[in-house]
C-alpha cells in the first residue's frame, strides 16, 4: 500500500513539473514571438521610408541636367542621406549635395562624393 502511494505521488509530481515546464516554455515562446513581430514591423516601415527618401533624392539628382546620376550612390537612414561615388568637379559635388538637401524627407546629407 505504501509503495503504491509513493508511486502515485511520484507520478503526480512528475506530471505537475511537466505542466509547469510546458507553461513556462509556452510563455517564453509567445513573448519572444510577439517581441520579434513588433520589431519586424517597425523595421519594415523604417526600411520603406528609407527607400522612398533614397528614390526621391535619385529622381531629384536625375532631373538636374548638369549631373550624371549613374556614378552617384545614394543611401538613406532615418532621414540622413549619404551620397557616394564620383563626379567630374567640385561644382557637381556641391550641386548634388544641395539637390539632396532639398528633397522631401531629407533631414541632413553626408557628402562622400569624390572628384575623378
Protein backbone atom coordinates (compact mmCIF):
# COMPACT_ATOMS: atom_id res chain seq x y z
CA UNK A 1 0.00 0.00 0.00
CA UNK A 2 2.79 2.38 0.94
CA UNK A 3 4.65 1.56 -2.28
CA UNK A 4 1.58 2.27 -4.39
CA UNK A 5 1.07 5.66 -2.67
CA UNK A 6 4.71 6.60 -3.26
CA UNK A 7 4.41 5.70 -6.94
CA UNK A 8 1.20 7.71 -7.31
CA UNK A 9 2.82 10.66 -5.58
CA UNK A 10 5.82 10.38 -7.88
CA UNK A 11 3.59 10.29 -10.98
CA UNK A 12 1.59 13.29 -9.77
CA UNK A 13 4.79 15.21 -9.00
CA UNK A 14 6.32 14.45 -12.44
CA UNK A 15 3.07 15.45 -14.15
CA UNK A 16 2.97 18.69 -12.17
CA UNK A 17 6.60 19.53 -13.12
CA UNK A 18 5.89 18.78 -16.80
CA UNK A 19 2.87 21.10 -16.77
CA UNK A 20 4.89 23.92 -15.19
CA UNK A 21 7.71 23.39 -17.68
CA UNK A 22 5.26 23.44 -20.59
CA UNK A 23 3.64 26.66 -19.36
CA UNK A 24 6.99 28.37 -18.93
CA UNK A 25 8.04 27.20 -22.39
CA UNK A 26 4.82 28.50 -23.96
CA UNK A 27 5.10 31.86 -22.20
CA UNK A 28 8.70 32.19 -23.38
CA UNK A 29 7.78 31.23 -26.96
CA UNK A 30 4.86 33.63 -27.25
CA UNK A 31 6.66 36.54 -25.61
CA UNK A 32 9.65 36.05 -27.91
CA UNK A 33 7.44 35.72 -30.98
CA UNK A 34 5.47 38.86 -30.12
CA UNK A 35 8.65 40.82 -29.45
CA UNK A 36 10.14 39.82 -32.80
CA UNK A 37 6.90 40.52 -34.62
CA UNK A 38 6.73 44.09 -33.27
CA UNK A 39 10.33 44.85 -34.19
CA UNK A 40 9.96 43.36 -37.64
CA UNK A 41 7.01 45.61 -38.35
CA UNK A 42 8.91 48.68 -37.21
CA UNK A 43 11.98 47.78 -39.26
CA UNK A 44 9.83 47.24 -42.30
CA UNK A 45 8.27 50.70 -42.02
CA UNK A 46 11.67 52.32 -41.49
CA UNK A 47 13.10 50.43 -44.45
CA UNK A 48 10.24 51.55 -46.70
CA UNK A 49 10.75 55.16 -45.63
CA UNK A 50 14.50 54.93 -46.27
CA UNK A 51 13.88 53.53 -49.74
CA UNK A 52 11.36 56.27 -50.51
CA UNK A 53 13.78 59.01 -49.44
CA UNK A 54 16.65 57.48 -51.45
CA UNK A 55 14.41 57.22 -54.53
CA UNK A 56 13.26 60.82 -54.13
CA UNK A 57 16.88 62.02 -53.99
CA UNK A 58 17.83 59.89 -57.00
CA UNK A 59 14.98 61.35 -59.06
CA UNK A 60 15.87 64.89 -57.98
CA UNK A 61 19.51 64.39 -58.98
CA UNK A 62 18.48 62.78 -62.27
CA UNK A 63 16.40 65.86 -63.11
CA UNK A 64 19.50 68.08 -62.87
CA UNK A 65 20.87 68.36 -66.39
CA UNK A 66 24.44 69.02 -65.23
CA UNK A 67 24.63 65.89 -63.06
CA UNK A 68 25.01 62.29 -64.15
CA UNK A 69 23.14 60.20 -61.57
CA UNK A 70 24.74 56.87 -62.59
CA UNK A 71 28.06 57.28 -60.70
CA UNK A 72 26.35 58.66 -57.55
CA UNK A 73 25.39 56.20 -54.82
CA UNK A 74 22.55 57.21 -52.53
CA UNK A 75 21.76 55.65 -49.15
CA UNK A 76 19.19 56.84 -46.63
CA UNK A 77 18.77 56.02 -42.96
CA UNK A 78 16.25 57.79 -40.76
CA UNK A 79 16.28 60.93 -42.88
CA UNK A 80 20.06 61.11 -43.19
CA UNK A 81 21.17 60.72 -46.80
CA UNK A 82 24.71 59.62 -47.66
CA UNK A 83 25.99 60.41 -51.12
CA UNK A 84 28.92 58.50 -52.58
CA UNK A 85 30.57 57.86 -55.91
CA UNK A 86 32.37 60.13 -58.35
CA UNK A 87 31.70 63.38 -60.25
CA UNK A 88 33.77 65.49 -62.64
CA UNK A 89 34.32 68.58 -60.47
CA UNK A 90 33.63 70.33 -57.14
CA UNK A 91 30.66 72.23 -58.59
CA UNK A 92 28.86 68.96 -59.38
CA UNK A 93 29.73 67.61 -55.93
CA UNK A 94 28.18 70.64 -54.20
CA UNK A 95 25.21 70.66 -56.55
CA UNK A 96 24.41 67.01 -55.77
CA UNK A 97 24.52 67.84 -52.06
CA UNK A 98 22.19 70.82 -52.44
CA UNK A 99 19.72 68.84 -54.53
CA UNK A 100 19.71 66.08 -51.90
CA UNK A 101 19.19 68.58 -49.05
CA UNK A 102 16.11 69.99 -50.79
CA UNK A 103 14.48 66.59 -51.41
CA UNK A 104 11.38 65.72 -49.39
CA UNK A 105 12.07 63.78 -46.19
CA UNK A 106 15.79 64.56 -46.02
CA UNK A 107 16.98 65.89 -42.66
CA UNK A 108 20.70 66.02 -43.39
CA UNK A 109 23.23 64.99 -46.03
CA UNK A 110 26.62 63.34 -45.67
CA UNK A 111 28.55 64.02 -48.85
CA UNK A 112 31.21 61.40 -49.60
CA UNK A 113 31.29 62.06 -53.33
CA UNK A 114 34.80 62.14 -54.75
CA UNK A 115 36.11 64.07 -57.73
CA UNK A 116 37.55 61.99 -60.57
